Amino acid sequence: MDDPLLLQINPASMILLGLVILSFLLWFFWPKSGLMARFSRSKRNSQRVHLEDALKFLFDCEYRNTTCDVHSIAGNLNISGDKASKLLERLLALGLITMRDQTISLTDTGRSYSLRVIRVHRIWERYLADETSVNQVDWHNEADRIEHLVNEDDIEKLAAQMGNPVFDPHGDPIPTISGELPEPKGKLLSALNEGEIGRIIHIEDEPKSIYEQLVVQGLYPGMQVYITDVTESKITFVADGDECTLTPFFANQITIELLSSTVKVREKYELLSSLAVGEKGEIIGISPNCRGQQRRRMMDLGIVPGSEITAELKSASGDPVGYRVMGTTIGIRKMQADLVFIRKAEGNDK
């Protein structure tokens, strides 16, 4: 007796079923664009990202003369200890590191590779800071993502476009094309003594949670600091006229270049936001912490040193405020006005 199920399957259905199976196989195994190829490529890319991130971390340890082991690598890359061990084995097999008595060192090849990645990262951070409106607390993570994707030709074109910068926005030196990098200098803020004066030359941008809090304090490379009080639990200093207090842990994230004791302590700048309606002032400058598109926009509006500016009117909510500068009234929010340094005109209070 014939099987009823077989009688229901006609040739057209068999062809259709075959086409479906064939399409699935092609989708799964097709070279370069199939699911299997994409999965393999993604896995290789992930391995390369971990490899390059490990090389960056190892170089940073060598540069700062700090110890590094499998546990610190695992913590920095946010991977398990087993994965970190396998990663070190791969780096060893590729001739990028050496390991003796638990001491991990970069080979010349590994050091050259790490410097290329660091150069891309820091140039990209500088680009984000100077040419885009990306929030400064996101510069590092965005550069981390991009550094594994761009090629050397593109990054050199970008560097040339920006005038071949030598420092990133956090104060880190950018390696040259030939892989040269100056020796680290300066002292940690936590190591300074009462009465010493210096200039911030570097703020560590990792981890992000710590960097965010330093940004909130308004600290940035280039600020002058004068140490007023040091205890075991805190360090108090004046930064460009504003008093700030940090714990030693946070102060360890800031590097200072000491200045001569004869250098005059910088007085606190008056801010554009301090002008009352009807008061005038002279623009001294824009804070170095105002960068990229925001800085260019303010300069396009006439916020340039030497210009006279007057607070003319407040909006109903009090923010923004209308300022008269170069014959035009412009609206500026307090957040931006806090970034403009002025000298108030005599007779404002009369």
C-alpha atoms as a PDB file:
ATOM      1  CA  MET A   1       0.000   0.000   0.000  1.00  0.00           C
ATOM      2  CA  ASP A   2       1.387   3.451  -0.957  1.00  0.00           C
ATOM      3  CA  ASP A   3       2.432   5.802   1.858  1.00  0.00           C
ATOM      4  CA  PRO A   4      -0.101   8.701   1.904  1.00  0.00           C
ATOM      5  CA  LEU A   5       2.667  11.157   2.963  1.00  0.00           C
ATOM      6  CA  LEU A   6       4.746  10.343  -0.102  1.00  0.00           C
ATOM      7  CA  LEU A   7       1.744  10.851  -2.352  1.00  0.00           C
ATOM      8  CA  GLN A   8       1.378  14.436  -1.030  1.00  0.00           C
ATOM      9  CA  ILE A   9       4.946  15.446  -2.014  1.00  0.00           C
ATOM     10  CA  ASN A  10       5.028  16.544  -5.622  1.00  0.00           C
ATOM     11  CA  PRO A  11       8.116  17.399  -7.694  1.00  0.00           C
ATOM     12  CA  ALA A  12       7.566  21.162  -7.315  1.00  0.00           C
ATOM     13  CA  SER A  13       7.655  20.829  -3.536  1.00  0.00           C
ATOM     14  CA  MET A  14      10.847  18.780  -3.728  1.00  0.00           C
ATOM     15  CA  ILE A  15      12.495  21.445  -5.897  1.00  0.00           C
ATOM     16  CA  LEU A  16      11.378  24.207  -3.557  1.00  0.00           C
ATOM     17  CA  LEU A  17      12.690  22.299  -0.539  1.00  0.00           C
ATOM     18  CA  GLY A  18      15.993  21.733  -2.306  1.00  0.00           C
ATOM     19  CA  LEU A  19      16.302  25.434  -3.117  1.00  0.00           C
ATOM     20  CA  VAL A  20      15.624  26.365   0.502  1.00  0.00           C
ATOM     21  CA  ILE A  21      18.295  23.952   1.738  1.00  0.00           C
ATOM     22  CA  LEU A  22      20.752  25.165  -0.903  1.00  0.00           C
ATOM     23  CA  SER A  23      20.090  28.822   0.017  1.00  0.00           C
ATOM     24  CA  PHE A  24      20.694  28.064   3.677  1.00  0.00           C
ATOM     25  CA  LEU A  25      23.965  26.276   2.912  1.00  0.00           C
ATOM     26  CA  LEU A  26      25.123  29.144   0.713  1.00  0.00           C
ATOM     27  CA  TRP A  27      24.176  31.714   3.373  1.00  0.00           C
ATOM     28  CA  PHE A  28      26.077  29.734   5.992  1.00  0.00           C
ATOM     29  CA  PHE A  29      29.210  28.693   4.050  1.00  0.00           C
ATOM     30  CA  TRP A  30      29.587  31.358   1.299  1.00  0.00           C
ATOM     31  CA  PRO A  31      33.219  32.594   1.202  1.00  0.00           C
ATOM     32  CA  LYS A  32      33.916  36.067   2.690  1.00  0.00           C
ATOM     33  CA  SER A  33      30.257  37.037   3.250  1.00  0.00           C
ATOM     34  CA  GLY A  34      28.676  33.852   4.651  1.00  0.00           C
ATOM     35  CA  LEU A  35      27.725  33.450   8.310  1.00  0.00           C
ATOM     36  CA  MET A  36      30.663  31.128   8.950  1.00  0.00           C
ATOM     37  CA  ALA A  37      33.109  33.557   7.296  1.00  0.00           C
ATOM     38  CA  ARG A  38      31.713  36.504   9.244  1.00  0.00           C
ATOM     39  CA  PHE A  39      31.910  34.578  12.503  1.00  0.00           C
ATOM     40  CA  SER A  40      35.524  33.584  11.831  1.00  0.00           C
ATOM     41  CA  ARG A  41      36.414  37.162  10.899  1.00  0.00           C
ATOM     42  CA  SER A  42      34.740  38.516  14.028  1.00  0.00           C
ATOM     43  CA  LYS A  43      36.643  36.004  16.162  1.00  0.00           C
ATOM     44  CA  ARG A  44      39.954  36.958  14.543  1.00  0.00           C
ATOM     45  CA  ASN A  45      39.192  40.659  15.010  1.00  0.00           C
ATOM     46  CA  SER A  46      38.361  40.080  18.670  1.00  0.00           C
ATOM     47  CA  GLN A  47      41.649  38.235  19.154  1.00  0.00           C
ATOM     48  CA  ARG A  48      43.560  41.049  17.438  1.00  0.00           C
ATOM     49  CA  VAL A  49      41.854  43.664  19.611  1.00  0.00           C
ATOM     50  CA  HIS A  50      42.871  41.785  22.777  1.00  0.00           C
ATOM     51  CA  LEU A  51      46.388  41.310  21.436  1.00  0.00           C
ATOM     52  CA  GLU A  52      46.813  45.020  20.646  1.00  0.00           C
ATOM     53  CA  ASP A  53      45.237  46.113  23.927  1.00  0.00           C
ATOM     54  CA  ALA A  54      47.620  43.812  25.811  1.00  0.00           C
ATOM     55  CA  LEU A  55      50.607  45.279  23.957  1.00  0.00           C
ATOM     56  CA  LYS A  56      49.457  48.812  24.840  1.00  0.00           C
ATOM     57  CA  PHE A  57      49.120  47.868  28.495  1.00  0.00           C
ATOM     58  CA  LEU A  58      52.528  46.159  28.580  1.00  0.00           C
ATOM     59  CA  PHE A  59      54.170  49.185  27.004  1.00  0.00           C
ATOM     60  CA  ASP A  60      52.465  51.519  29.495  1.00  0.00           C
ATOM     61  CA  CYS A  61      53.798  49.386  32.363  1.00  0.00           C
ATOM     62  CA  GLU A  62      57.324  49.567  30.947  1.00  0.00           C
ATOM     63  CA  TYR A  63      57.040  53.313  30.267  1.00  0.00           C
ATOM     64  CA  ARG A  64      55.885  54.052  33.812  1.00  0.00           C
ATOM     65  CA  ASN A  65      58.211  51.446  35.336  1.00  0.00           C
ATOM     66  CA  THR A  66      55.400  49.500  37.021  1.00  0.00           C
ATOM     67  CA  THR A  67      55.081  45.747  37.399  1.00  0.00           C
ATOM     68  CA  CYS A  68      52.816  43.721  35.140  1.00  0.00           C
ATOM     69  CA  ASP A  69      51.614  40.121  35.373  1.00  0.00           C
ATOM     70  CA  VAL A  70      48.858  37.917  34.017  1.00  0.00           C
ATOM     71  CA  HIS A  71      46.403  39.154  36.655  1.00  0.00           C
ATOM     72  CA  SER A  72      46.921  42.839  35.879  1.00  0.00           C
ATOM     73  CA  ILE A  73      46.542  42.101  32.152  1.00  0.00           C
ATOM     74  CA  ALA A  74      43.295  40.210  32.822  1.00  0.00           C
ATOM     75  CA  GLY A  75      42.000  43.114  34.909  1.00  0.00           C
ATOM     76  CA  ASN A  76      42.963  45.757  32.358  1.00  0.00           C
ATOM     77  CA  LEU A  77      41.397  43.874  29.442  1.00  0.00           C
ATOM     78  CA  ASN A  78      38.422  42.696  31.524  1.00  0.00           C
ATOM     79  CA  ILE A  79      38.987  39.039  30.612  1.00  0.00           C
ATOM     80  CA  SER A  80      39.442  35.867  32.665  1.00  0.00           C
ATOM     81  CA  GLY A  81      42.818  34.712  33.926  1.00  0.00           C
ATOM     82  CA  ASP A  82      42.720  31.702  31.575  1.00  0.00           C
ATOM     83  CA  LYS A  83      42.135  33.930  28.547  1.00  0.00           C
ATOM     84  CA  ALA A  84      44.939  36.228  29.676  1.00  0.00           C
ATOM     85  CA  SER A  85      47.299  33.243  29.968  1.00  0.00           C
ATOM     86  CA  LYS A  86      46.403  32.063  26.469  1.00  0.00           C
ATOM     87  CA  LEU A  87      46.861  35.598  25.169  1.00  0.00           C
ATOM     88  CA  LEU A  88      50.364  35.728  26.659  1.00  0.00           C
ATOM     89  CA  GLU A  89      51.154  32.369  25.046  1.00  0.00           C
ATOM     90  CA  ARG A  90      50.101  33.795  21.686  1.00  0.00           C
ATOM     91  CA  LEU A  91      52.182  36.942  22.176  1.00  0.00           C
ATOM     92  CA  LEU A  92      55.143  34.738  23.084  1.00  0.00           C
ATOM     93  CA  ALA A  93      54.658  32.536  20.014  1.00  0.00           C
ATOM     94  CA  LEU A  94      54.519  35.624  17.782  1.00  0.00           C
ATOM     95  CA  GLY A  95      57.778  36.903  19.211  1.00  0.00           C
ATOM     96  CA  LEU A  96      56.170  40.043  20.669  1.00  0.00           C
ATOM     97  CA  ILE A  97      57.119  39.372  24.316  1.00  0.00           C
ATOM     98  CA  THR A  98      59.607  37.459  26.422  1.00  0.00           C
ATOM     99  CA  MET A  99      58.902  35.849  29.800  1.00  0.00           C
ATOM    100  CA  ARG A 100      61.556  35.121  32.416  1.00  0.00           C
ATOM    101  CA  ASP A 101      60.799  34.328  36.057  1.00  0.00           C
ATOM    102  CA  GLN A 102      57.261  35.694  35.732  1.00  0.00           C
ATOM    103  CA  THR A 103      58.651  38.954  34.282  1.00  0.00           C
ATOM    104  CA  ILE A 104      56.968  39.967  31.039  1.00  0.00           C
ATOM    105  CA  SER A 105      58.914  42.182  28.637  1.00  0.00           C
ATOM    106  CA  LEU A 106      58.204  43.468  25.156  1.00  0.00           C
ATOM    107  CA  THR A 107      60.582  42.515  22.366  1.00  0.00           C
ATOM    108  CA  ASP A 108      61.715  45.184  19.912  1.00  0.00           C
ATOM    109  CA  THR A 109      59.022  43.964  17.519  1.00  0.00           C
ATOM    110  CA  GLY A 110      56.374  44.031  20.247  1.00  0.00           C
ATOM    111  CA  ARG A 111      57.412  47.508  21.349  1.00  0.00           C
ATOM    112  CA  SER A 112      57.265  48.810  17.773  1.00  0.00           C
ATOM    113  CA  TYR A 113      53.809  47.261  17.300  1.00  0.00           C
ATOM    114  CA  SER A 114      52.487  48.756  20.551  1.00  0.00           C
ATOM    115  CA  LEU A 115      53.804  52.228  19.668  1.00  0.00           C
ATOM    116  CA  ARG A 116      51.974  52.132  16.333  1.00  0.00           C
ATOM    117  CA  VAL A 117      48.694  51.350  18.106  1.00  0.00           C
ATOM    118  CA  ILE A 118      49.332  54.046  20.740  1.00  0.00           C
ATOM    119  CA  ARG A 119      50.067  56.605  18.006  1.00  0.00           C
ATOM    120  CA  VAL A 120      46.735  55.870  16.308  1.00  0.00           C
ATOM    121  CA  HIS A 121      44.888  56.054  19.632  1.00  0.00           C
ATOM    122  CA  ARG A 122      46.347  59.392  20.716  1.00  0.00           C
ATOM    123  CA  ILE A 123      46.037  61.066  17.322  1.00  0.00           C
ATOM    124  CA  TRP A 124      42.404  60.001  17.216  1.00  0.00           C
ATOM    125  CA  GLU A 125      41.809  61.355  20.730  1.00  0.00           C
ATOM    126  CA  ARG A 126      43.306  64.675  19.633  1.00  0.00           C
ATOM    127  CA  TYR A 127      41.047  64.688  16.574  1.00  0.00           C
ATOM    128  CA  LEU A 128      37.952  64.028  18.710  1.00  0.00           C
ATOM    129  CA  ALA A 129      38.946  66.827  21.098  1.00  0.00           C
ATOM    130  CA  ASP A 130      39.817  69.458  18.487  1.00  0.00           C
ATOM    131  CA  GLU A 131      37.512  68.697  15.587  1.00  0.00           C
ATOM    132  CA  THR A 132      34.304  67.161  16.974  1.00  0.00           C
ATOM    133  CA  SER A 133      31.676  67.726  19.658  1.00  0.00           C
ATOM    134  CA  VAL A 134      32.229  64.333  21.317  1.00  0.00           C
ATOM    135  CA  ASN A 135      32.096  64.683  25.116  1.00  0.00           C
ATOM    136  CA  GLN A 136      35.591  64.634  26.603  1.00  0.00           C
ATOM    137  CA  VAL A 137      34.819  61.724  28.924  1.00  0.00           C
ATOM    138  CA  ASP A 138      34.128  59.635  25.801  1.00  0.00           C
ATOM    139  CA  TRP A 139      37.330  60.490  23.889  1.00  0.00           C
ATOM    140  CA  HIS A 140      39.260  57.512  25.261  1.00  0.00           C
ATOM    141  CA  ASN A 141      36.635  54.832  24.663  1.00  0.00           C
ATOM    142  CA  GLU A 142      35.894  56.090  21.159  1.00  0.00           C
ATOM    143  CA  ALA A 143      39.614  56.110  20.314  1.00  0.00           C
ATOM    144  CA  ASP A 144      39.884  52.594  21.767  1.00  0.00           C
ATOM    145  CA  ARG A 145      37.273  51.449  19.266  1.00  0.00           C
ATOM    146  CA  ILE A 146      38.720  53.258  16.258  1.00  0.00           C
ATOM    147  CA  GLU A 147      42.391  52.363  16.801  1.00  0.00           C
ATOM    148  CA  HIS A 148      41.822  48.776  15.654  1.00  0.00           C
ATOM    149  CA  LEU A 149      39.946  49.773  12.491  1.00  0.00           C
ATOM    150  CA  VAL A 150      41.915  52.526  10.729  1.00  0.00           C
ATOM    151  CA  ASN A 151      45.042  51.955   8.651  1.00  0.00           C
ATOM    152  CA  GLU A 152      48.321  53.820   8.997  1.00  0.00           C
ATOM    153  CA  ASP A 153      47.908  55.843   5.788  1.00  0.00           C
ATOM    154  CA  ASP A 154      44.580  57.268   6.978  1.00  0.00           C
ATOM    155  CA  ILE A 155      45.919  58.171  10.411  1.00  0.00           C
ATOM    156  CA  GLU A 156      48.973  59.924   8.922  1.00  0.00           C
ATOM    157  CA  LYS A 157      46.703  61.980   6.666  1.00  0.00           C
ATOM    158  CA  LEU A 158      44.653  62.918   9.732  1.00  0.00           C
ATOM    159  CA  ALA A 159      47.796  63.852  11.685  1.00  0.00           C
ATOM    160  CA  ALA A 160      49.041  66.041   8.832  1.00  0.00           C
ATOM    161  CA  GLN A 161      45.629  67.715   8.610  1.00  0.00           C
ATOM    162  CA  MET A 162      45.925  68.684  12.290  1.00  0.00           C
ATOM    163  CA  GLY A 163      49.512  69.921  11.977  1.00  0.00           C
ATOM    164  CA  ASN A 164      51.141  66.745  13.373  1.00  0.00           C
ATOM    165  CA  PRO A 165      50.299  67.278  17.075  1.00  0.00           C
ATOM    166  CA  VAL A 166      52.786  66.026  19.669  1.00  0.00           C
ATOM    167  CA  PHE A 167      50.412  65.608  22.632  1.00  0.00           C
ATOM    168  CA  ASP A 168      46.940  64.144  23.045  1.00  0.00           C
ATOM    169  CA  PRO A 169      44.270  66.126  24.952  1.00  0.00           C
ATOM    170  CA  HIS A 170      45.144  64.417  28.254  1.00  0.00           C
ATOM    171  CA  GLY A 171      48.796  65.483  28.026  1.00  0.00           C
ATOM    172  CA  ASP A 172      50.228  62.156  26.836  1.00  0.00           C
ATOM    173  CA  PRO A 173      52.985  62.464  24.197  1.00  0.00           C
ATOM    174  CA  ILE A 174      52.134  61.070  20.759  1.00  0.00           C
ATOM    175  CA  PRO A 175      54.786  58.643  19.439  1.00  0.00           C
ATOM    176  CA  THR A 176      56.477  59.784  16.253  1.00  0.00           C
ATOM    177  CA  ILE A 177      56.143  57.825  13.008  1.00  0.00           C
ATOM    178  CA  SER A 178      59.515  56.250  13.760  1.00  0.00           C
ATOM    179  CA  GLY A 179      58.333  55.164  17.221  1.00  0.00           C
ATOM    180  CA  GLU A 180      60.150  57.748  19.345  1.00  0.00           C
ATOM    181  CA  LEU A 181      58.635  58.837  22.649  1.00  0.00           C
ATOM    182  CA  PRO A 182      60.114  61.212  25.260  1.00  0.00           C
ATOM    183  CA  GLU A 183      60.876  59.932  28.737  1.00  0.00           C
ATOM    184  CA  PRO A 184      58.104  60.545  31.287  1.00  0.00           C
ATOM    185  CA  LYS A 185      58.562  63.662  33.400  1.00  0.00           C
ATOM    186  CA  GLY A 186      56.865  65.473  36.232  1.00  0.00           C
ATOM    187  CA  LYS A 187      55.647  64.415  39.673  1.00  0.00           C
ATOM    188  CA  LEU A 188      52.325  63.094  40.846  1.00  0.00           C
ATOM    189  CA  LEU A 189      50.163  65.735  42.477  1.00  0.00           C
ATOM    190  CA  SER A 190      50.021  63.556  45.606  1.00  0.00           C
ATOM    191  CA  ALA A 191      53.821  63.849  45.959  1.00  0.00           C
ATOM    192  CA  LEU A 192      53.905  67.661  46.080  1.00  0.00           C
ATOM    193  CA  ASN A 193      54.545  69.613  49.271  1.00  0.00           C
ATOM    194  CA  GLU A 194      52.785  72.629  50.721  1.00  0.00           C
ATOM    195  CA  GLY A 195      53.930  75.846  49.037  1.00  0.00           C
ATOM    196  CA  GLU A 196      55.025  74.212  45.764  1.00  0.00           C
ATOM    197  CA  ILE A 197      53.679  75.527  42.490  1.00  0.00           C
ATOM    198  CA  GLY A 198      53.376  73.694  39.175  1.00  0.00           C
ATOM    199  CA  ARG A 199      51.435  73.095  36.014  1.00  0.00           C
ATOM    200  CA  ILE A 200      49.232  70.114  35.165  1.00  0.00           C
ATOM    201  CA  ILE A 201      50.842  68.236  32.268  1.00  0.00           C
ATOM    202  CA  HIS A 202      48.818  65.013  32.334  1.00  0.00           C
ATOM    203  CA  ILE A 203      45.518  63.669  33.638  1.00  0.00           C
ATOM    204  CA  GLU A 204      45.046  59.910  33.515  1.00  0.00           C
ATOM    205  CA  ASP A 205      41.905  59.002  31.557  1.00  0.00           C
ATOM    206  CA  GLU A 206      41.492  55.458  32.882  1.00  0.00           C
ATOM    207  CA  PRO A 207      39.384  54.292  34.543  1.00  0.00           C
ATOM    208  CA  LYS A 208      36.599  56.392  33.086  1.00  0.00           C
ATOM    209  CA  SER A 209      34.725  56.711  36.403  1.00  0.00           C
ATOM    210  CA  ILE A 210      37.749  58.405  38.010  1.00  0.00           C
ATOM    211  CA  TYR A 211      38.432  60.645  35.014  1.00  0.00           C
ATOM    212  CA  GLU A 212      34.806  61.821  34.967  1.00  0.00           C
ATOM    213  CA  GLN A 213      35.124  63.096  38.534  1.00  0.00           C
ATOM    214  CA  LEU A 214      38.325  64.992  37.712  1.00  0.00           C
ATOM    215  CA  VAL A 215      36.555  66.582  34.745  1.00  0.00           C
ATOM    216  CA  VAL A 216      33.695  67.649  37.011  1.00  0.00           C
ATOM    217  CA  GLN A 217      36.306  69.404  39.188  1.00  0.00           C
ATOM    218  CA  GLY A 218      37.210  71.450  36.088  1.00  0.00           C
ATOM    219  CA  LEU A 219      40.812  70.183  35.948  1.00  0.00           C
ATOM    220  CA  TYR A 220      42.704  69.937  32.663  1.00  0.00           C
ATOM    221  CA  PRO A 221      46.297  69.989  31.335  1.00  0.00           C
ATOM    222  CA  GLY A 222      47.799  73.464  31.352  1.00  0.00           C
ATOM    223  CA  MET A 223      46.253  74.630  34.641  1.00  0.00           C
ATOM    224  CA  GLN A 224      48.522  76.181  37.235  1.00  0.00           C
ATOM    225  CA  VAL A 225      48.311  74.610  40.715  1.00  0.00           C
ATOM    226  CA  TYR A 226      49.556  75.964  44.032  1.00  0.00           C
ATOM    227  CA  ILE A 227      49.625  73.552  46.981  1.00  0.00           C
ATOM    228  CA  THR A 228      48.102  75.073  50.114  1.00  0.00           C
ATOM    229  CA  ASP A 229      47.678  72.072  52.443  1.00  0.00           C
ATOM    230  CA  VAL A 230      48.796  68.429  52.514  1.00  0.00           C
ATOM    231  CA  THR A 231      47.601  65.753  54.974  1.00  0.00           C
ATOM    232  CA  GLU A 232      47.467  61.960  54.888  1.00  0.00           C
ATOM    233  CA  SER A 233      43.836  62.029  53.776  1.00  0.00           C
ATOM    234  CA  LYS A 234      43.741  64.959  51.348  1.00  0.00           C
ATOM    235  CA  ILE A 235      45.677  67.491  49.321  1.00  0.00           C
ATOM    236  CA  THR A 236      44.317  71.020  48.903  1.00  0.00           C
ATOM    237  CA  PHE A 237      45.480  73.307  46.136  1.00  0.00           C
ATOM    238  CA  VAL A 238      44.498  76.362  44.134  1.00  0.00           C
ATOM    239  CA  ALA A 239      43.983  75.676  40.407  1.00  0.00           C
ATOM    240  CA  ASP A 240      43.868  78.858  38.334  1.00  0.00           C
ATOM    241  CA  GLY A 241      42.426  80.696  41.323  1.00  0.00           C
ATOM    242  CA  ASP A 242      39.864  78.069  42.389  1.00  0.00           C
ATOM    243  CA  GLU A 243      40.429  75.985  45.521  1.00  0.00           C
ATOM    244  CA  CYS A 244      40.192  72.225  45.044  1.00  0.00           C
ATOM    245  CA  THR A 245      40.621  69.283  47.404  1.00  0.00           C
ATOM    246  CA  LEU A 246      41.399  65.699  46.344  1.00  0.00           C
ATOM    247  CA  THR A 247      42.181  62.465  48.146  1.00  0.00           C
ATOM    248  CA  PRO A 248      45.653  60.978  47.466  1.00  0.00           C
ATOM    249  CA  PHE A 249      44.030  58.333  45.234  1.00  0.00           C
ATOM    250  CA  PHE A 250      42.584  60.966  42.897  1.00  0.00           C
ATOM    251  CA  ALA A 251      45.726  63.121  43.141  1.00  0.00           C
ATOM    252  CA  ASN A 252      47.698  60.108  41.861  1.00  0.00           C
ATOM    253  CA  GLN A 253      45.905  60.483  38.514  1.00  0.00           C
ATOM    254  CA  ILE A 254      47.400  63.941  37.902  1.00  0.00           C
ATOM    255  CA  THR A 255      50.999  64.683  36.866  1.00  0.00           C
ATOM    256  CA  ILE A 256      52.542  68.066  37.631  1.00  0.00           C
ATOM    257  CA  GLU A 257      55.552  69.868  36.175  1.00  0.00           C
ATOM    258  CA  LEU A 258      57.091  71.922  38.977  1.00  0.00           C
ATOM    259  CA  LEU A 259      57.608  75.648  38.340  1.00  0.00           C
ATOM    260  CA  SER A 260      60.022  78.066  39.965  1.00  0.00           C
ATOM    261  CA  SER A 261      58.958  79.378  43.352  1.00  0.00           C
ATOM    262  CA  THR A 262      59.321  82.870  41.880  1.00  0.00           C
ATOM    263  CA  VAL A 263      56.399  82.272  39.504  1.00  0.00           C
ATOM    264  CA  LYS A 264      53.421  84.378  40.498  1.00  0.00           C
ATOM    265  CA  VAL A 265      50.358  82.448  41.616  1.00  0.00           C
ATOM    266  CA  ARG A 266      47.692  83.022  39.015  1.00  0.00           C
ATOM    267  CA  GLU A 267      44.681  84.946  40.255  1.00  0.00           C
ATOM    268  CA  LYS A 268      41.201  83.617  39.755  1.00  0.00           C
ATOM    269  CA  TYR A 269      39.730  84.583  36.413  1.00  0.00           C
ATOM    270  CA  GLU A 270      36.443  86.447  36.307  1.00  0.00           C
ATOM    271  CA  LEU A 271      33.933  84.570  34.192  1.00  0.00           C
ATOM    272  CA  LEU A 272      31.541  85.901  31.591  1.00  0.00           C
ATOM    273  CA  SER A 273      28.697  84.343  33.571  1.00  0.00           C
ATOM    274  CA  SER A 274      29.497  86.726  36.460  1.00  0.00           C
ATOM    275  CA  LEU A 275      28.403  89.819  34.490  1.00  0.00           C
ATOM    276  CA  ALA A 276      25.106  91.231  35.688  1.00  0.00           C
ATOM    277  CA  VAL A 277      22.708  92.750  33.148  1.00  0.00           C
ATOM    278  CA  GLY A 278      24.087  96.128  32.116  1.00  0.00           C
ATOM    279  CA  GLU A 279      27.691  95.341  33.091  1.00  0.00           C
ATOM    280  CA  LYS A 280      30.571  95.354  30.628  1.00  0.00           C
ATOM    281  CA  GLY A 281      33.828  93.468  30.413  1.00  0.00           C
ATOM    282  CA  GLU A 282      36.812  92.748  28.201  1.00  0.00           C
ATOM    283  CA  ILE A 283      37.296  89.199  26.950  1.00  0.00           C
ATOM    284  CA  ILE A 284      40.663  87.816  28.083  1.00  0.00           C
ATOM    285  CA  GLY A 285      40.317  84.392  26.516  1.00  0.00           C
ATOM    286  CA  ILE A 286      38.501  81.069  26.339  1.00  0.00           C
ATOM    287  CA  SER A 287      39.313  78.246  28.737  1.00  0.00           C
ATOM    288  CA  PRO A 288      41.581  75.546  27.221  1.00  0.00           C
ATOM    289  CA  ASN A 289      38.932  73.127  28.433  1.00  0.00           C
ATOM    290  CA  CYS A 290      36.635  74.469  25.696  1.00  0.00           C
ATOM    291  CA  ARG A 291      37.678  72.674  22.516  1.00  0.00           C
ATOM    292  CA  GLY A 292      36.558  71.504  19.104  1.00  0.00           C
ATOM    293  CA  GLN A 293      33.353  72.717  17.505  1.00  0.00           C
ATOM    294  CA  GLN A 294      32.208  74.486  20.666  1.00  0.00           C
ATOM    295  CA  ARG A 295      35.358  76.643  20.741  1.00  0.00           C
ATOM    296  CA  ARG A 296      35.132  77.472  17.026  1.00  0.00           C
ATOM    297  CA  ARG A 297      31.456  78.417  17.375  1.00  0.00           C
ATOM    298  CA  MET A 298      32.188  80.811  20.247  1.00  0.00           C
ATOM    299  CA  MET A 299      35.028  82.456  18.311  1.00  0.00           C
ATOM    300  CA  ASP A 300      32.770  82.776  15.250  1.00  0.00           C
ATOM    301  CA  LEU A 301      30.295  84.615  17.489  1.00  0.00           C
ATOM    302  CA  GLY A 302      32.973  87.171  18.385  1.00  0.00           C
ATOM    303  CA  ILE A 303      34.246  85.690  21.666  1.00  0.00           C
ATOM    304  CA  VAL A 304      37.896  86.624  21.047  1.00  0.00           C
ATOM    305  CA  PRO A 305      40.519  88.262  23.296  1.00  0.00           C
ATOM    306  CA  GLY A 306      40.282  92.045  23.441  1.00  0.00           C
ATOM    307  CA  SER A 307      36.614  92.298  22.483  1.00  0.00           C
ATOM    308  CA  GLU A 308      34.258  94.310  24.695  1.00  0.00           C
ATOM    309  CA  ILE A 309      31.182  92.396  25.814  1.00  0.00           C
ATOM    310  CA  THR A 310      28.032  93.528  27.643  1.00  0.00           C
ATOM    311  CA  ALA A 311      25.336  91.499  29.388  1.00  0.00           C
ATOM    312  CA  GLU A 312      22.132  92.933  27.901  1.00  0.00           C
ATOM    313  CA  LEU A 313      19.224  90.773  28.951  1.00  0.00           C
ATOM    314  CA  LYS A 314      18.218  87.504  30.605  1.00  0.00           C
ATOM    315  CA  SER A 315      15.703  85.044  29.278  1.00  0.00           C
ATOM    316  CA  ALA A 316      12.617  84.283  31.357  1.00  0.00           C
ATOM    317  CA  SER A 317      14.353  81.258  32.907  1.00  0.00           C
ATOM    318  CA  GLY A 318      17.614  83.169  33.396  1.00  0.00           C
ATOM    319  CA  ASP A 319      19.523  80.930  30.987  1.00  0.00           C
ATOM    320  CA  PRO A 320      20.651  81.752  28.321  1.00  0.00           C
ATOM    321  CA  VAL A 321      21.739  85.385  28.693  1.00  0.00           C
ATOM    322  CA  GLY A 322      21.925  87.824  25.794  1.00  0.00           C
ATOM    323  CA  TYR A 323      25.374  89.407  25.379  1.00  0.00           C
ATOM    324  CA  ARG A 324      26.310  92.295  23.089  1.00  0.00           C
ATOM    325  CA  VAL A 325      29.649  91.730  21.331  1.00  0.00           C
ATOM    326  CA  MET A 326      31.007  93.126  18.048  1.00  0.00           C
ATOM    327  CA  GLY A 327      27.721  94.901  17.321  1.00  0.00           C
ATOM    328  CA  THR A 328      25.594  91.767  17.647  1.00  0.00           C
ATOM    329  CA  THR A 329      23.505  90.346  20.467  1.00  0.00           C
ATOM    330  CA  ILE A 330      24.069  86.618  21.001  1.00  0.00           C
ATOM    331  CA  GLY A 331      22.560  84.128  23.440  1.00  0.00           C
ATOM    332  CA  ILE A 332      25.035  82.132  25.536  1.00  0.00           C
ATOM    333  CA  ARG A 333      24.133  79.542  28.147  1.00  0.00           C
ATOM    334  CA  LYS A 334      25.783  79.663  31.563  1.00  0.00           C
ATOM    335  CA  MET A 335      27.636  76.407  30.897  1.00  0.00           C
ATOM    336  CA  GLN A 336      29.433  78.081  27.960  1.00  0.00           C
ATOM    337  CA  ALA A 337      29.763  81.475  29.701  1.00  0.00           C
ATOM    338  CA  ASP A 338      31.665  79.719  32.508  1.00  0.00           C
ATOM    339  CA  LEU A 339      34.363  78.918  29.935  1.00  0.00           C
ATOM    340  CA  VAL A 340      34.976  82.561  28.927  1.00  0.00           C
ATOM    341  CA  PHE A 341      37.504  84.600  30.938  1.00  0.00           C
ATOM    342  CA  ILE A 342      36.904  88.366  31.225  1.00  0.00           C
ATOM    343  CA  ARG A 343      38.111  91.468  32.981  1.00  0.00           C
ATOM    344  CA  LYS A 344      35.209  93.538  34.281  1.00  0.00           C
ATOM    345  CA  ALA A 345      35.111  97.181  33.224  1.00  0.00           C
ATOM    346  CA  GLU A 346      35.685  99.840  35.886  1.00  0.00           C
ATOM    347  CA  GLY A 347      32.551 101.630  36.956  1.00  0.00           C
ATOM    348  CA  ASN A 348      30.217  98.628  36.549  1.00  0.00           C
ATOM    349  CA  ASP A 349      29.040  98.997  40.107  1.00  0.00           C
ATOM    350  CA  LYS A 350      28.486 102.733  39.907  1.00  0.00           C
END
